[in-house]
Amino acid sequence: MIYLDKKHNPARNRKLIAGLIGDVRSEREIILERDKLFSKNSKVNPFFEEQKQADISPSSIFGRLKKKLFGLFCSLEDDDGPATAATGDVYPEWKGRLDQEYDDLFRKTKREVNVKDFGGVGDGITDNTEAFRKAFGSGKVKVVVPAGVYITKGIRLPSWTCLIGEGKGKTIIKLHNDAPKGRRLITNAHHWKGNRNILVQGMSLDWNVERLGNAEKTSTFGNHSSCLTFANVTYGWVKDVEAINPGLHCFDISSTLYNYSGDGIRARGGSKYVWLDNLNGYGFGDDGITTHHSDDIIISNSHMCDPSGRAHAKGFSNSNGIEVDDGSRNIWLVNNSTARCFGGVEVKAHHNSSAAANVYITGHLSVNDNRSYNFRHIGHHKMSDPESKTAFNIRAANIVAVAPVFTDLYSGSTPRCMVVAAYKNVAINNFTLIGDPKYDYKGNPMIAIQYRARNVTLNNVKIKDFTTAGSDIKVFGGDNRADDVLIQSISSDKPARKAIAIGQGIQNIHVSKV
């Protein structure tokens, strides 16, 4: 059985995933097939259609307000799926724009300084807060940080800046023992007016959770207590960085403030065009990598594992390796891995916020996560709940779930390889599930399509060694049933008691090539 430790090199993910899936077709062919299935079995969200057709008079105060509010809603029109289907690329077309801004960053940061020139000392004792502040000044600078352990009470990055170390485990930036619980180790300088063109590369970020002793909760409310937070950043890059034991998140790509004003409304000041690449993170109090109310984000070649869960009450820790959360749009996950988290990849929203929409997952390896892939809009599951206005559009290809297990992070949560709940327009292509024939799955299903999920496609699914599961795939019926489900090209070796179980009352389901 495969094991991924906290020092796993995520550059190996693509090769590991390809070996476990065993499909000889090109990545482009598999993505094109996924997107074709998505287009065939998806429906337009009527909520967005109503907004487009509303009669908005720009001459009236009410009309101008309504038009402004309309800009806060998620929109299917932002989905760049058709371009992807045409090209079969792993990355979105807008990555070219991000690459151009990266070049512009280095053209505008010709001045390079060393933090030691401003009094920085990497001895693990000296407070370097003022040295970093002086080194960055008002921006347009590349600050180099040599090997060593640099203590700070927090670093705030202005626009047009680069913070560059010598590599993970060599350059270590660590929070001061006197830093408060809600302190971010690294963040951008202006969360309200925003920042642009910021790069952080080549270092380890130690949140120094040990300074809090036995505190039951390691975080404060909001987007605080993380190793790195980009809030209201346009054009950002985080490359080759390790995050160690944050109170909340390892990496948070966020809006100025989180927003809980209701389904259909998004926060102002979201980040846009941010690329996270080759990251490691562990010991996080909540999530490894998370996004909130932000658009056009790439997360690639990264590995998150072994959360502490200490941001939550014991036994109620929704600690995910990678979480695409409230109000996020157009998020691309490429060749990442997670291990021993509650959720490997969770795409979701809280009940009082807009759901993440337009999420693309190409290549992911989940090992011993309780819920390998968890797609849900909390509070919009049951017939007595309001139907989600925003939980739309998830596409995944070349994903692997290895031996999900019970975890005390979230006591009472049963292992699943995938759960789809409340989301509409979900297409999964090339999904490999590998169980442990000796593990007791207590008759639970491994893939659960449930709670008002609609327009869900499962294609090319290979399942083996879930002998103690109740079913490999279960589509739940009843009052809260899923519907409009397409299941095809399924193979199961040493299957569960049932390969596919279909509940009562489902009106539209098609199963073939099993």
Protein backbone atom coordinates (compact mmCIF):
# COMPACT_ATOMS: atom_id res chain seq x y z
CA MET A 1 0.00 0.00 0.00
CA ILE A 2 1.34 3.44 -0.93
CA TYR A 3 2.39 5.83 1.86
CA LEU A 4 3.06 9.56 1.46
CA ASP A 5 4.87 11.26 4.35
CA LYS A 6 5.08 14.98 5.10
CA LYS A 7 8.31 15.32 3.10
CA HIS A 8 6.81 13.69 0.00
CA ASN A 9 8.11 15.34 -3.14
CA PRO A 10 4.98 16.50 -4.98
CA ALA A 11 6.90 16.63 -8.25
CA ARG A 12 6.41 12.85 -8.26
CA ASN A 13 2.61 13.09 -8.26
CA ARG A 14 2.05 13.03 -12.01
CA LYS A 15 4.07 9.82 -12.40
CA LEU A 16 2.47 8.16 -9.37
CA ILE A 17 -1.05 8.98 -10.57
CA ALA A 18 -0.36 7.78 -14.10
CA GLY A 19 1.01 4.47 -12.77
CA LEU A 20 -2.01 3.82 -10.56
CA ILE A 21 -4.56 4.71 -13.26
CA GLY A 22 -2.76 2.79 -15.99
CA ASP A 23 -4.50 4.55 -18.89
CA VAL A 24 -2.25 4.71 -21.96
CA ARG A 25 -4.20 7.58 -23.52
CA SER A 26 -2.82 11.09 -23.44
CA GLU A 27 -3.91 13.54 -20.77
CA ARG A 28 -5.42 15.67 -23.52
CA GLU A 29 -7.66 12.82 -24.72
CA ILE A 30 -8.90 12.13 -21.20
CA ILE A 31 -9.69 15.79 -20.51
CA LEU A 32 -11.51 16.17 -23.84
CA GLU A 33 -13.58 13.09 -23.01
CA ARG A 34 -14.41 14.50 -19.58
CA ASP A 35 -15.46 17.87 -20.98
CA LYS A 36 -17.60 16.23 -23.66
CA LEU A 37 -19.42 14.24 -20.98
CA PHE A 38 -19.80 17.38 -18.87
CA SER A 39 -21.41 19.28 -21.74
CA LYS A 40 -23.71 16.37 -22.56
CA ASN A 41 -25.08 15.87 -19.05
CA SER A 42 -25.17 19.42 -17.63
CA LYS A 43 -27.84 22.08 -17.39
CA VAL A 44 -27.68 25.85 -17.11
CA ASN A 45 -28.33 27.28 -13.67
CA PRO A 46 -31.71 29.09 -13.78
CA PHE A 47 -30.64 31.45 -10.97
CA PHE A 48 -27.97 32.97 -13.22
CA GLU A 49 -30.36 33.07 -16.17
CA GLU A 50 -32.88 35.04 -14.10
CA GLN A 51 -30.19 37.54 -13.17
CA LYS A 52 -29.13 38.01 -16.79
CA GLN A 53 -32.71 38.64 -17.93
CA ALA A 54 -33.68 40.95 -15.07
CA ASP A 55 -34.69 44.41 -16.22
CA ILE A 56 -31.98 46.62 -14.71
CA SER A 57 -32.37 50.35 -15.28
CA PRO A 58 -28.93 52.00 -14.95
CA SER A 59 -30.54 55.42 -14.57
CA SER A 60 -32.18 54.64 -11.23
CA ILE A 61 -30.42 54.31 -7.88
CA PHE A 62 -32.08 50.92 -7.38
CA GLY A 63 -31.00 49.82 -10.84
CA ARG A 64 -27.38 50.81 -10.25
CA LEU A 65 -27.38 49.00 -6.89
CA LYS A 66 -28.90 45.90 -8.43
CA LYS A 67 -26.33 45.95 -11.21
CA LYS A 68 -23.54 46.20 -8.64
CA LEU A 69 -24.98 43.32 -6.62
CA PHE A 70 -25.28 41.25 -9.77
CA GLY A 71 -21.51 41.50 -10.10
CA LEU A 72 -21.16 39.70 -6.77
CA PHE A 73 -22.94 36.58 -7.97
CA CYS A 74 -21.19 33.52 -9.35
CA SER A 75 -21.80 33.18 -13.08
CA LEU A 76 -21.68 30.24 -15.38
CA GLU A 77 -20.46 32.65 -18.04
CA ASP A 78 -17.12 32.82 -16.20
CA ASP A 79 -16.66 29.12 -16.85
CA ASP A 80 -13.91 28.79 -19.45
CA GLY A 81 -14.77 25.15 -20.07
CA PRO A 82 -15.42 25.49 -23.82
CA ALA A 83 -11.88 26.78 -24.37
CA THR A 84 -10.55 23.87 -22.37
CA ALA A 85 -12.61 21.38 -24.33
CA ALA A 86 -11.26 22.82 -27.56
CA THR A 87 -7.61 22.60 -26.54
CA GLY A 88 -7.48 19.77 -24.02
CA ASP A 89 -5.02 21.73 -21.89
CA VAL A 90 -4.37 20.96 -18.23
CA TYR A 91 -4.13 24.69 -17.47
CA PRO A 92 -6.63 27.43 -18.35
CA GLU A 93 -6.10 29.84 -21.21
CA TRP A 94 -5.81 32.75 -18.77
CA LYS A 95 -2.53 31.28 -17.49
CA GLY A 96 -0.88 33.14 -20.38
CA ARG A 97 -2.00 36.40 -18.79
CA LEU A 98 -0.58 35.28 -15.45
CA ASP A 99 2.75 34.38 -17.08
CA GLN A 100 2.94 37.83 -18.67
CA GLU A 101 2.42 39.48 -15.30
CA TYR A 102 5.17 37.26 -13.85
CA ASP A 103 7.58 38.63 -16.44
CA ASP A 104 6.39 42.16 -15.66
CA LEU A 105 7.09 41.55 -11.96
CA PHE A 106 10.76 40.87 -12.63
CA ARG A 107 11.02 43.80 -15.02
CA LYS A 108 9.77 46.13 -12.28
CA THR A 109 11.79 44.61 -9.40
CA LYS A 110 15.27 45.16 -10.74
CA ARG A 111 16.49 46.23 -7.30
CA GLU A 112 17.69 43.21 -5.29
CA VAL A 113 18.57 43.36 -1.60
CA ASN A 114 19.59 40.89 1.08
CA VAL A 115 17.67 40.99 4.36
CA LYS A 116 21.00 40.80 6.16
CA ASP A 117 21.89 44.23 4.75
CA PHE A 118 19.06 45.61 6.92
CA GLY A 119 20.10 43.84 10.11
CA GLY A 120 18.53 40.45 9.46
CA VAL A 121 20.05 37.55 11.39
CA GLY A 122 19.11 33.90 10.77
CA ASP A 123 20.14 32.61 14.18
CA GLY A 124 16.69 31.48 15.37
CA ILE A 125 16.80 34.06 18.18
CA THR A 126 16.96 37.60 16.78
CA ASP A 127 13.70 39.42 16.00
CA ASN A 128 13.87 40.26 12.26
CA THR A 129 10.50 42.05 11.99
CA GLU A 130 12.03 45.49 11.45
CA ALA A 131 14.72 44.14 9.12
CA PHE A 132 12.09 42.71 6.76
CA ARG A 133 10.02 45.90 6.92
CA LYS A 134 13.02 48.02 5.93
CA ALA A 135 14.08 45.61 3.21
CA PHE A 136 10.69 45.75 1.46
CA GLY A 137 10.12 49.48 1.90
CA SER A 138 7.35 50.56 -0.46
CA GLY A 139 7.92 47.68 -2.90
CA LYS A 140 9.40 47.13 -6.35
CA VAL A 141 12.17 45.06 -4.79
CA LYS A 142 13.39 41.47 -4.59
CA VAL A 143 14.36 40.53 -1.04
CA VAL A 144 16.72 37.56 -0.78
CA VAL A 145 16.79 35.56 2.47
CA PRO A 146 19.83 33.28 2.90
CA ALA A 147 19.76 29.96 4.72
CA GLY A 148 18.96 30.21 8.41
CA VAL A 149 16.07 30.58 10.86
CA TYR A 150 14.58 34.08 10.84
CA ILE A 151 12.28 34.99 13.73
CA THR A 152 9.60 37.60 13.00
CA LYS A 153 6.31 38.87 14.38
CA GLY A 154 4.92 38.89 10.84
CA ILE A 155 5.83 40.01 7.33
CA ARG A 156 3.59 42.24 5.19
CA LEU A 157 4.38 42.33 1.48
CA PRO A 158 3.71 45.45 -0.62
CA SER A 159 2.87 45.26 -4.33
CA TRP A 160 5.56 44.40 -6.86
CA THR A 161 7.76 42.43 -4.47
CA CYS A 162 9.56 39.09 -4.37
CA LEU A 163 10.53 37.23 -1.19
CA ILE A 164 13.01 34.53 -2.15
CA GLY A 165 14.85 32.02 0.03
CA GLU A 166 17.32 29.23 -0.66
CA GLY A 167 14.75 26.43 -0.48
CA LYS A 168 12.49 24.39 1.78
CA GLY A 169 14.26 23.48 5.02
CA LYS A 170 17.12 25.89 4.30
CA THR A 171 15.53 29.31 4.65
CA ILE A 172 13.08 29.12 7.57
CA ILE A 173 10.87 32.03 8.61
CA LYS A 174 9.35 31.46 12.04
CA LEU A 175 6.80 33.36 14.14
CA HIS A 176 8.08 35.02 17.28
CA ASN A 177 7.11 33.47 20.62
CA ASP A 178 5.27 36.68 21.50
CA ALA A 179 3.16 36.77 18.32
CA PRO A 180 -0.59 36.66 19.08
CA LYS A 181 -2.79 33.71 18.15
CA GLY A 182 -4.39 35.57 15.25
CA ARG A 183 -1.13 36.53 13.55
CA ARG A 184 -0.45 35.60 9.93
CA LEU A 185 3.20 34.74 9.34
CA ILE A 186 3.24 36.23 5.81
CA THR A 187 0.51 38.27 4.15
CA ASN A 188 0.08 41.16 1.74
CA ALA A 189 0.25 44.71 3.05
CA HIS A 190 -3.22 46.04 2.16
CA HIS A 191 -6.21 43.73 2.51
CA TRP A 192 -8.73 46.54 1.87
CA LYS A 193 -7.31 48.38 -1.12
CA GLY A 194 -5.51 45.27 -2.38
CA ASN A 195 -2.07 44.40 -3.72
CA ARG A 196 -0.73 43.02 -6.96
CA ASN A 197 2.24 41.09 -8.35
CA ILE A 198 3.73 39.36 -5.32
CA LEU A 199 6.01 36.29 -5.32
CA VAL A 200 7.02 34.11 -2.35
CA GLN A 201 9.48 31.33 -3.18
CA GLY A 202 11.94 28.84 -1.73
CA MET A 203 11.47 28.59 2.04
CA SER A 204 9.79 26.96 5.02
CA LEU A 205 7.20 28.88 7.05
CA ASP A 206 6.95 27.79 10.69
CA TRP A 207 3.91 29.23 12.48
CA ASN A 208 5.44 28.13 15.80
CA VAL A 209 2.25 26.63 17.25
CA GLU A 210 4.32 25.47 20.23
CA ARG A 211 4.24 29.04 21.57
CA LEU A 212 0.54 28.55 22.38
CA GLY A 213 1.18 25.62 24.71
CA ASN A 214 -1.89 23.45 25.26
CA ALA A 215 -4.42 25.95 23.93
CA GLU A 216 -7.54 24.06 22.90
CA LYS A 217 -8.12 26.28 19.86
CA THR A 218 -5.17 27.51 17.78
CA SER A 219 -6.92 30.08 15.58
CA THR A 220 -9.09 33.19 15.70
CA PHE A 221 -12.14 33.93 13.55
CA GLY A 222 -11.63 34.95 9.93
CA ASN A 223 -8.63 34.66 7.65
CA HIS A 224 -6.03 34.85 10.41
CA SER A 225 -3.62 32.37 12.05
CA SER A 226 -2.19 30.99 8.80
CA CYS A 227 1.33 30.59 7.47
CA LEU A 228 0.53 32.58 4.31
CA THR A 229 -2.57 34.60 3.45
CA PHE A 230 -3.17 36.44 0.20
CA ALA A 231 -6.27 38.62 0.69
CA ASN A 232 -7.34 40.84 -2.20
CA VAL A 233 -4.22 40.02 -4.24
CA THR A 234 -4.27 40.19 -8.03
CA TYR A 235 -1.42 38.26 -9.67
CA GLY A 236 0.36 36.24 -7.01
CA TRP A 237 2.74 33.29 -6.97
CA VAL A 238 3.78 30.96 -4.15
CA LYS A 239 6.39 28.45 -5.27
CA ASP A 240 8.51 25.82 -3.54
CA VAL A 241 7.31 26.64 -0.03
CA GLU A 242 6.72 24.42 3.02
CA ALA A 243 4.19 25.38 5.72
CA ILE A 244 4.56 23.95 9.22
CA ASN A 245 1.85 23.62 11.91
CA PRO A 246 -0.29 26.72 11.30
CA GLY A 247 -3.11 27.46 13.71
CA LEU A 248 -5.56 27.67 10.80
CA HIS A 249 -4.39 27.18 7.19
CA CYS A 250 -1.06 26.58 5.52
CA PHE A 251 -2.04 28.72 2.52
CA ASP A 252 -5.22 30.83 2.27
CA ILE A 253 -6.14 32.62 -0.97
CA SER A 254 -8.94 34.83 0.21
CA SER A 255 -11.08 37.91 0.06
CA THR A 256 -10.53 40.84 2.41
CA LEU A 257 -13.06 39.29 4.79
CA TYR A 258 -14.95 36.00 4.66
CA ASN A 259 -18.60 36.51 3.78
CA TYR A 260 -21.65 34.75 5.22
CA SER A 261 -24.42 36.96 3.81
CA GLY A 262 -26.24 34.13 2.08
CA ASP A 263 -26.24 31.86 -0.95
CA GLY A 264 -25.84 33.90 -4.14
CA ILE A 265 -23.69 36.66 -2.62
CA ARG A 266 -19.90 36.80 -2.68
CA ALA A 267 -17.44 38.82 -0.65
CA ARG A 268 -15.76 41.92 -2.01
CA GLY A 269 -11.99 42.05 -2.37
CA GLY A 270 -11.39 38.52 -3.56
CA SER A 271 -8.00 37.51 -4.92
CA LYS A 272 -7.56 36.82 -8.65
CA TYR A 273 -4.95 35.12 -10.80
CA VAL A 274 -2.86 33.33 -8.17
CA TRP A 275 -0.68 30.25 -8.78
CA LEU A 276 0.42 27.94 -5.95
CA ASP A 277 3.02 25.38 -7.04
CA ASN A 278 5.22 22.74 -5.39
CA LEU A 279 3.98 23.34 -1.87
CA ASN A 280 4.16 21.08 1.19
CA GLY A 281 2.09 21.54 4.32
CA TYR A 282 1.29 19.61 7.48
CA GLY A 283 0.06 20.01 11.03
CA PHE A 284 -2.61 22.54 9.99
CA GLY A 285 -5.37 23.42 12.43
CA ASP A 286 -7.99 23.54 9.67
CA ASP A 287 -7.05 23.17 5.96
CA GLY A 288 -3.79 22.81 4.08
CA ILE A 289 -4.65 24.97 1.06
CA THR A 290 -7.94 26.85 0.91
CA THR A 291 -9.63 29.44 -1.29
CA HIS A 292 -12.46 31.83 -0.38
CA HIS A 293 -14.43 34.20 -2.65
CA SER A 294 -11.53 34.30 -5.11
CA ASP A 295 -11.33 33.67 -8.86
CA ASP A 296 -8.90 32.11 -11.31
CA ILE A 297 -6.59 30.18 -8.99
CA ILE A 298 -4.18 27.36 -9.93
CA ILE A 299 -2.99 24.87 -7.31
CA SER A 300 -0.46 22.41 -8.73
CA ASN A 301 2.14 19.81 -7.76
CA SER A 302 1.47 20.23 -4.04
CA HIS A 303 1.16 17.85 -1.07
CA MET A 304 -0.84 18.42 2.13
CA CYS A 305 -1.04 15.90 4.97
CA ASP A 306 -1.49 15.15 8.66
CA PRO A 307 -3.59 18.03 10.04
CA SER A 308 -3.74 18.66 13.76
CA GLY A 309 -7.39 19.76 13.56
CA ARG A 310 -6.79 22.07 16.52
CA ALA A 311 -8.75 24.96 15.04
CA HIS A 312 -11.90 22.97 15.89
CA ALA A 313 -13.38 21.18 18.86
CA LYS A 314 -12.00 17.69 19.26
CA GLY A 315 -13.83 15.25 17.01
CA PHE A 316 -15.39 17.97 14.82
CA SER A 317 -12.46 18.96 12.64
CA ASN A 318 -13.31 19.44 8.97
CA SER A 319 -9.61 19.56 8.14
CA ASN A 320 -9.06 19.10 4.42
CA GLY A 321 -5.86 18.80 2.44
CA ILE A 322 -7.17 21.11 -0.29
CA GLU A 323 -10.44 22.97 0.19
CA VAL A 324 -12.17 25.05 -2.47
CA ASP A 325 -14.53 26.95 -0.22
CA ASP A 326 -17.20 29.65 -0.10
CA GLY A 327 -17.69 31.69 -3.25
CA SER A 328 -14.59 30.47 -5.09
CA ARG A 329 -14.77 30.36 -8.90
CA ASN A 330 -12.63 28.96 -11.68
CA ILE A 331 -10.23 26.96 -9.51
CA TRP A 332 -7.79 24.54 -11.17
CA LEU A 333 -6.17 21.67 -9.24
CA VAL A 334 -3.40 19.88 -11.14
CA ASN A 335 -1.40 16.84 -9.97
CA ASN A 336 -1.69 17.34 -6.22
CA SER A 337 -1.73 14.82 -3.37
CA THR A 338 -3.19 14.58 0.14
CA ALA A 339 -2.83 12.07 2.97
CA ARG A 340 -4.53 11.34 6.29
CA CYS A 341 -6.83 14.38 6.21
CA PHE A 342 -10.57 14.46 6.86
CA GLY A 343 -11.12 15.41 3.23
CA GLY A 344 -8.51 15.03 0.53
CA VAL A 345 -10.17 17.52 -1.82
CA GLU A 346 -13.30 19.25 -0.58
CA VAL A 347 -15.35 21.55 -2.81
CA LYS A 348 -18.00 23.19 -0.67
CA ALA A 349 -19.68 26.11 1.02
CA HIS A 350 -21.19 26.83 4.40
CA HIS A 351 -24.97 27.03 4.52
CA ASN A 352 -24.98 30.83 4.60
CA SER A 353 -22.55 31.45 1.77
CA SER A 354 -22.25 30.89 -1.98
CA ALA A 355 -20.83 27.57 -3.09
CA ALA A 356 -17.58 27.15 -4.98
CA ALA A 357 -18.27 26.83 -8.71
CA ASN A 358 -16.38 25.93 -11.88
CA VAL A 359 -13.75 23.66 -10.33
CA TYR A 360 -11.34 21.62 -12.47
CA ILE A 361 -9.38 18.72 -10.98
CA THR A 362 -6.82 17.06 -13.24
CA GLY A 363 -4.71 14.47 -11.47
CA HIS A 364 -5.03 14.00 -7.72
CA LEU A 365 -3.79 11.27 -5.38
CA SER A 366 -5.64 10.85 -2.08
CA VAL A 367 -4.13 8.36 0.41
CA ASN A 368 -5.91 7.41 3.66
CA ASP A 369 -8.07 10.53 3.71
CA ASN A 370 -11.45 9.91 5.37
CA ARG A 371 -13.35 11.47 2.45
CA SER A 372 -11.03 11.36 -0.55
CA TYR A 373 -13.24 13.71 -2.60
CA ASN A 374 -16.08 15.56 -0.89
CA PHE A 375 -18.38 17.86 -2.88
CA ARG A 376 -21.18 19.49 -0.87
CA HIS A 377 -23.11 22.66 -0.08
CA ILE A 378 -23.85 22.42 3.62
CA GLY A 379 -27.42 23.24 4.59
CA HIS A 380 -28.78 22.69 1.07
CA HIS A 381 -29.03 18.90 1.13
CA LYS A 382 -32.50 17.97 2.27
CA MET A 383 -35.87 18.66 0.67
CA SER A 384 -36.66 20.88 3.66
CA ASP A 385 -33.51 22.95 2.93
CA PRO A 386 -33.41 25.72 0.32
CA GLU A 387 -32.01 24.48 -2.97
CA SER A 388 -28.48 25.71 -3.65
CA LYS A 389 -28.31 28.56 -6.16
CA THR A 390 -24.57 28.30 -6.73
CA ALA A 391 -23.32 24.69 -6.30
CA PHE A 392 -22.56 24.03 -9.96
CA ASN A 393 -19.84 22.68 -12.22
CA ILE A 394 -17.12 20.30 -11.04
CA ARG A 395 -14.97 18.38 -13.53
CA ALA A 396 -12.37 15.81 -12.52
CA ALA A 397 -10.09 13.50 -14.49
CA ASN A 398 -7.28 11.11 -13.59
CA ILE A 399 -7.98 10.99 -9.87
CA VAL A 400 -7.11 8.24 -7.39
CA ALA A 401 -8.46 7.32 -3.96
CA VAL A 402 -6.36 4.89 -1.93
CA ALA A 403 -7.80 3.25 1.19
CA PRO A 404 -9.94 5.89 2.90
CA VAL A 405 -10.05 5.26 6.66
CA PHE A 406 -11.91 6.31 9.77
CA THR A 407 -10.35 9.27 11.56
CA ASP A 408 -10.77 10.85 14.97
CA LEU A 409 -10.48 14.26 13.29
CA TYR A 410 -14.21 13.99 12.63
CA SER A 411 -15.60 11.23 14.79
CA GLY A 412 -18.59 9.45 13.33
CA SER A 413 -17.73 10.28 9.73
CA THR A 414 -17.59 7.13 7.63
CA PRO A 415 -14.89 6.61 4.98
CA ARG A 416 -15.78 7.41 1.37
CA CYS A 417 -13.81 7.65 -1.84
CA MET A 418 -16.24 10.27 -3.11
CA VAL A 419 -19.37 12.08 -1.96
CA VAL A 420 -21.48 14.33 -4.20
CA ALA A 421 -24.24 16.21 -2.39
CA ALA A 422 -26.30 19.23 -3.54
CA TYR A 423 -23.98 19.88 -6.49
CA LYS A 424 -25.21 19.92 -10.08
CA ASN A 425 -23.17 19.34 -13.23
CA VAL A 426 -20.42 17.01 -11.98
CA ALA A 427 -18.35 14.99 -14.47
CA ILE A 428 -15.78 12.44 -13.28
CA ASN A 429 -13.60 10.64 -15.84
CA ASN A 430 -10.85 8.10 -15.05
CA PHE A 431 -11.34 7.51 -11.35
CA THR A 432 -9.34 4.72 -9.68
CA LEU A 433 -10.37 3.42 -6.25
CA ILE A 434 -7.99 1.09 -4.39
CA GLY A 435 -9.15 -0.42 -1.11
CA ASP A 436 -7.65 -2.59 1.56
CA PRO A 437 -9.32 -6.03 1.50
CA LYS A 438 -8.49 -6.50 5.20
CA TYR A 439 -10.03 -3.19 6.30
CA ASP A 440 -13.57 -3.13 7.69
CA TYR A 441 -15.65 -0.59 5.77
CA LYS A 442 -18.70 -1.69 7.77
CA GLY A 443 -20.99 -2.04 4.77
CA ASN A 444 -20.71 1.61 3.70
CA PRO A 445 -20.68 2.67 0.04
CA MET A 446 -17.43 3.94 -1.42
CA ILE A 447 -18.94 6.42 -3.88
CA ALA A 448 -22.09 8.15 -2.64
CA ILE A 449 -24.24 10.26 -4.96
CA GLN A 450 -26.84 11.74 -2.65
CA TYR A 451 -28.80 14.66 -1.19
CA ARG A 452 -30.25 16.33 -4.29
CA ALA A 453 -27.16 15.97 -6.47
CA ARG A 454 -28.11 16.36 -10.14
CA ASN A 455 -26.51 15.84 -13.55
CA VAL A 456 -23.69 13.64 -12.28
CA THR A 457 -21.54 11.55 -14.63
CA LEU A 458 -19.15 8.76 -13.62
CA ASN A 459 -17.10 7.35 -16.50
CA ASN A 460 -14.13 4.98 -16.62
CA VAL A 461 -14.16 4.05 -12.93
CA LYS A 462 -11.89 1.22 -11.75
CA ILE A 463 -12.54 -0.21 -8.29
CA LYS A 464 -10.80 -2.99 -6.38
CA ASP A 465 -10.45 -4.52 -2.93
CA PHE A 466 -13.43 -3.00 -1.14
CA THR A 467 -14.74 -6.40 -0.09
CA THR A 468 -16.28 -5.19 3.20
CA ALA A 469 -18.11 -2.22 1.65
CA GLY A 470 -21.88 -2.35 1.13
CA SER A 471 -21.60 -1.12 -2.45
CA ASP A 472 -18.94 0.30 -4.70
CA ILE A 473 -21.32 3.00 -5.97
CA LYS A 474 -24.59 4.02 -4.35
CA VAL A 475 -27.08 6.53 -5.72
CA PHE A 476 -29.32 7.42 -2.80
CA GLY A 477 -33.09 7.57 -3.28
CA GLY A 478 -35.95 8.72 -1.10
CA ASP A 479 -37.19 12.25 -0.44
CA ASN A 480 -33.66 13.68 -0.65
CA ARG A 481 -32.71 11.59 -3.65
CA ALA A 482 -30.06 12.28 -6.25
CA ASP A 483 -31.17 12.24 -9.89
CA ASP A 484 -30.09 12.64 -13.51
CA VAL A 485 -27.11 10.31 -13.11
CA LEU A 486 -25.03 8.66 -15.83
CA ILE A 487 -22.80 5.72 -14.82
CA GLN A 488 -20.79 3.96 -17.51
CA SER A 489 -17.62 1.95 -18.08
CA ILE A 490 -17.27 0.63 -14.53
CA SER A 491 -15.02 -2.29 -13.54
CA SER A 492 -14.72 -3.82 -10.08
CA ASP A 493 -12.15 -6.39 -8.91
CA LYS A 494 -12.99 -8.08 -5.58
CA PRO A 495 -16.04 -5.85 -5.35
CA ALA A 496 -18.26 -4.81 -2.49
CA ARG A 497 -21.48 -6.73 -1.78
CA LYS A 498 -23.10 -4.74 -4.57
CA ALA A 499 -21.30 -3.10 -7.45
CA ILE A 500 -23.99 -0.43 -7.92
CA ALA A 501 -26.95 0.25 -5.63
CA ILE A 502 -29.80 2.51 -6.76
CA GLY A 503 -32.28 3.90 -4.27
CA GLN A 504 -36.04 4.31 -4.59
CA GLY A 505 -37.75 7.11 -6.45
CA ILE A 506 -34.91 8.06 -8.78
CA GLN A 507 -36.46 9.17 -12.05
CA ASN A 508 -33.55 9.42 -14.46
CA ILE A 509 -30.48 7.18 -14.26
CA HIS A 510 -28.54 5.42 -17.01
CA VAL A 511 -26.09 2.59 -16.28
CA SER A 512 -24.03 0.84 -18.96
CA LYS A 513 -20.81 -1.13 -19.53
CA VAL A 514 -20.44 -2.48 -16.02
